[in-house]
Amino acid sequence: MSKAFTKESDDADDDELQLPALPPGGKNYITPTGYAAMRNELLGLIDVDRPKVVDAVHWAASNGDRSENGDYIYGKKRLREIDRRIRFLTKRMEMAVIAEPSLHFGNDQIFFGATVTYVDDADQERTVKIVGIDEANSALGEVSWVSPIARTLLKARVGDVLRLVMPERVAEIEVLAVEYPKVPALAIAP
């Protein structure tokens, strides 16, 4: 079979990871914890994962025929995935604006980084933490600051009754509590 029919494209732009949308003129806010997690992932990819895969590809390439070498083919594919993730993380970190939620400690108004407890019109109590687009994890109760619930909650205060617009209906929610992390001991000036 001709190599013209088996060669994969090395140009990964066609399947580049899409960046989550930011509001027009918006910034990519992120908590210090979220930024540190992204940085750790990036450094792990650069310092650990990529060198391992490069070594595996080099070893597989030295075994001869590359067209039917599964280790080589898989290694090259994995290397493209790692490089794509490195580009993605680099772009996101370049545009990130680190916002320190502990600056609002003790405040009852909702800003980025707040952990908010509210009750909906079905008397169901929920707690969410408002974080950056790149760090939101709904399984942990974290929501992106551009999500509908976060946009409804931002700038509200404890006791406020708000209207949460959802595709199927409009619900009333009441803010019960707002919490921020304490200022780290190292950040307090003597």
Protein backbone atom coordinates (compact mmCIF):
# COMPACT_ATOMS: atom_id res chain seq x y z
CA MET A 1 0.00 0.00 0.00
CA SER A 2 1.22 3.48 -0.80
CA LYS A 3 2.34 5.69 2.07
CA ALA A 4 0.21 8.46 0.57
CA PHE A 5 -2.84 6.66 1.94
CA THR A 6 -1.44 5.88 5.40
CA LYS A 7 0.37 9.07 6.43
CA GLU A 8 -1.32 11.05 9.15
CA SER A 9 -1.21 14.80 9.06
CA ASP A 10 1.21 16.38 11.51
CA ASP A 11 -0.83 19.58 11.37
CA ALA A 12 -3.12 19.44 14.41
CA ASP A 13 -4.81 22.80 13.80
CA ASP A 14 -7.94 21.16 12.40
CA ASP A 15 -8.68 19.44 15.70
CA GLU A 16 -7.30 22.12 18.01
CA LEU A 17 -9.03 22.29 21.39
CA GLN A 18 -11.61 25.03 21.41
CA LEU A 19 -11.28 27.60 24.16
CA PRO A 20 -14.41 28.08 26.27
CA ALA A 21 -16.07 31.32 25.27
CA LEU A 22 -15.52 34.45 27.32
CA PRO A 23 -18.06 37.26 27.37
CA PRO A 24 -17.22 40.02 24.86
CA GLY A 25 -14.59 42.22 26.48
CA GLY A 26 -14.48 39.81 29.43
CA LYS A 27 -11.41 38.58 31.19
CA ASN A 28 -10.37 35.03 31.98
CA TYR A 29 -10.60 35.20 35.76
CA ILE A 30 -9.11 32.31 37.71
CA THR A 31 -8.43 31.63 41.39
CA PRO A 32 -4.83 31.21 42.57
CA THR A 33 -5.61 27.53 43.24
CA GLY A 34 -6.94 27.04 39.71
CA TYR A 35 -3.92 28.79 38.20
CA ALA A 36 -1.55 26.64 40.26
CA ALA A 37 -3.35 23.49 39.08
CA MET A 38 -3.04 24.58 35.43
CA ARG A 39 0.63 25.43 35.94
CA ASN A 40 1.31 22.06 37.60
CA GLU A 41 -0.41 20.23 34.76
CA LEU A 42 1.60 22.18 32.17
CA LEU A 43 4.90 21.53 33.93
CA GLY A 44 4.04 17.85 34.33
CA LEU A 45 3.34 17.56 30.62
CA ILE A 46 6.56 19.35 29.69
CA ASP A 47 8.89 17.78 32.27
CA VAL A 48 7.48 14.26 32.71
CA ASP A 49 4.91 13.07 30.15
CA ARG A 50 6.40 14.50 26.95
CA PRO A 51 9.98 13.23 27.57
CA LYS A 52 8.64 9.73 28.32
CA VAL A 53 6.65 9.65 25.09
CA VAL A 54 9.57 11.08 23.09
CA ASP A 55 11.80 8.28 24.43
CA ALA A 56 9.15 5.67 23.56
CA VAL A 57 8.77 7.06 20.03
CA HIS A 58 12.55 7.15 19.58
CA TRP A 59 12.83 3.53 20.73
CA ALA A 60 9.93 2.45 18.48
CA ALA A 61 11.42 4.30 15.48
CA SER A 62 14.72 2.47 15.96
CA ASN A 63 12.91 -0.87 15.55
CA GLY A 64 12.57 -0.41 11.81
CA ASP A 65 9.38 -0.23 9.70
CA ARG A 66 7.32 2.61 11.10
CA SER A 67 4.22 2.05 9.00
CA GLU A 68 3.13 -1.04 10.96
CA ASN A 69 4.79 -0.24 14.28
CA GLY A 70 1.99 0.21 16.82
CA ASP A 71 4.27 1.70 19.47
CA TYR A 72 5.51 4.31 17.01
CA ILE A 73 2.04 5.17 15.66
CA TYR A 74 0.48 5.39 19.14
CA GLY A 75 3.48 7.35 20.47
CA LYS A 76 3.26 9.94 17.69
CA LYS A 77 -0.49 10.29 18.29
CA ARG A 78 0.04 10.69 22.05
CA LEU A 79 2.80 13.23 21.40
CA ARG A 80 0.39 15.33 19.28
CA GLU A 81 -2.21 15.16 22.07
CA ILE A 82 0.35 16.31 24.66
CA ASP A 83 1.58 19.14 22.41
CA ARG A 84 -2.02 20.24 21.77
CA ARG A 85 -2.73 20.31 25.53
CA ILE A 86 0.50 22.25 26.16
CA ARG A 87 -0.56 24.88 23.57
CA PHE A 88 -4.04 25.06 25.11
CA LEU A 89 -2.75 25.52 28.68
CA THR A 90 -0.16 28.07 27.56
CA LYS A 91 -2.81 30.18 25.80
CA ARG A 92 -5.18 30.02 28.76
CA MET A 93 -2.46 30.92 31.27
CA GLU A 94 -1.33 33.88 29.13
CA MET A 95 -4.83 35.38 29.18
CA ALA A 96 -5.60 34.47 32.81
CA VAL A 97 -6.29 37.16 35.39
CA ILE A 98 -5.69 35.79 38.89
CA ALA A 99 -8.35 37.04 41.31
CA GLU A 100 -7.81 36.46 45.03
CA PRO A 101 -11.17 35.60 46.65
CA SER A 102 -9.80 35.91 50.20
CA LEU A 103 -9.69 39.71 49.74
CA HIS A 104 -13.47 39.64 50.29
CA PHE A 105 -13.31 37.57 53.50
CA GLY A 106 -16.12 38.60 55.84
CA ASN A 107 -18.09 40.34 53.09
CA ASP A 108 -21.75 39.38 52.55
CA GLN A 109 -21.78 40.48 48.89
CA ILE A 110 -21.11 37.90 46.18
CA PHE A 111 -17.98 38.31 44.05
CA PHE A 112 -15.73 35.95 42.11
CA GLY A 113 -14.47 33.13 44.34
CA ALA A 114 -17.42 33.17 46.75
CA THR A 115 -19.02 30.02 48.08
CA VAL A 116 -22.74 30.73 48.05
CA THR A 117 -25.57 28.84 49.68
CA TYR A 118 -29.04 29.55 48.31
CA VAL A 119 -32.50 28.03 48.41
CA ASP A 120 -34.71 27.73 45.34
CA ASP A 121 -38.49 28.00 45.06
CA ALA A 122 -38.79 24.22 45.62
CA ASP A 123 -37.12 24.66 49.06
CA GLN A 124 -34.00 22.84 47.85
CA GLU A 125 -30.82 24.23 49.35
CA ARG A 126 -27.70 24.31 47.16
CA THR A 127 -24.14 25.46 47.62
CA VAL A 128 -21.93 26.57 44.73
CA LYS A 129 -18.48 28.07 44.47
CA ILE A 130 -17.98 30.67 41.72
CA VAL A 131 -14.66 30.02 39.96
CA GLY A 132 -12.98 30.50 36.58
CA ILE A 133 -14.04 28.91 33.31
CA ASP A 134 -10.98 26.66 33.21
CA GLU A 135 -11.34 25.35 36.76
CA ALA A 136 -15.10 24.83 37.21
CA ASN A 137 -16.03 21.27 38.23
CA SER A 138 -19.75 20.73 38.70
CA ALA A 139 -19.14 17.47 40.57
CA LEU A 140 -17.45 19.55 43.30
CA GLY A 141 -20.16 22.23 43.29
CA GLU A 142 -18.01 24.68 41.34
CA VAL A 143 -19.61 26.84 38.65
CA SER A 144 -18.01 29.11 36.09
CA TRP A 145 -18.42 32.82 36.74
CA VAL A 146 -20.11 33.16 33.32
CA SER A 147 -22.72 30.46 34.03
CA PRO A 148 -26.36 31.57 34.41
CA ILE A 149 -26.44 30.82 38.17
CA ALA A 150 -23.20 32.72 38.80
CA ARG A 151 -24.31 35.71 36.72
CA THR A 152 -27.55 35.78 38.70
CA LEU A 153 -25.74 35.59 42.04
CA LEU A 154 -22.86 38.03 41.38
CA LYS A 155 -23.16 41.30 43.33
CA ALA A 156 -26.16 40.04 45.34
CA ARG A 157 -26.08 39.95 49.15
CA VAL A 158 -27.27 37.60 51.86
CA GLY A 159 -31.08 37.78 52.04
CA ASP A 160 -31.58 38.93 48.45
CA VAL A 161 -34.27 37.16 46.43
CA LEU A 162 -33.24 36.78 42.81
CA ARG A 163 -34.81 35.56 39.58
CA LEU A 164 -32.83 32.75 37.93
CA VAL A 165 -33.74 32.53 34.25
CA MET A 166 -33.52 28.96 32.93
CA PRO A 167 -34.50 27.64 29.49
CA GLU A 168 -37.65 25.93 30.77
CA ARG A 169 -38.72 28.39 33.46
CA VAL A 170 -37.83 31.27 35.79
CA ALA A 171 -37.09 30.35 39.40
CA GLU A 172 -36.80 32.51 42.47
CA ILE A 173 -33.77 31.88 44.67
CA GLU A 174 -32.82 33.40 48.00
CA VAL A 175 -29.20 33.88 49.06
CA LEU A 176 -28.67 32.29 52.50
CA ALA A 177 -24.91 32.56 53.04
CA VAL A 178 -21.76 33.87 51.39
CA GLU A 179 -18.30 32.65 52.36
CA TYR A 180 -14.78 33.46 51.22
CA PRO A 181 -11.55 31.71 52.17
CA LYS A 182 -9.55 33.31 54.96
CA VAL A 183 -6.59 35.44 53.99
CA PRO A 184 -3.53 33.15 53.93
CA ALA A 185 -1.31 33.74 56.99
CA LEU A 186 1.67 34.54 54.73
CA ALA A 187 -0.27 37.28 52.94
CA ILE A 188 -1.03 39.23 56.13
CA ALA A 189 1.38 42.12 56.63
CA PRO A 190 2.91 42.49 60.11
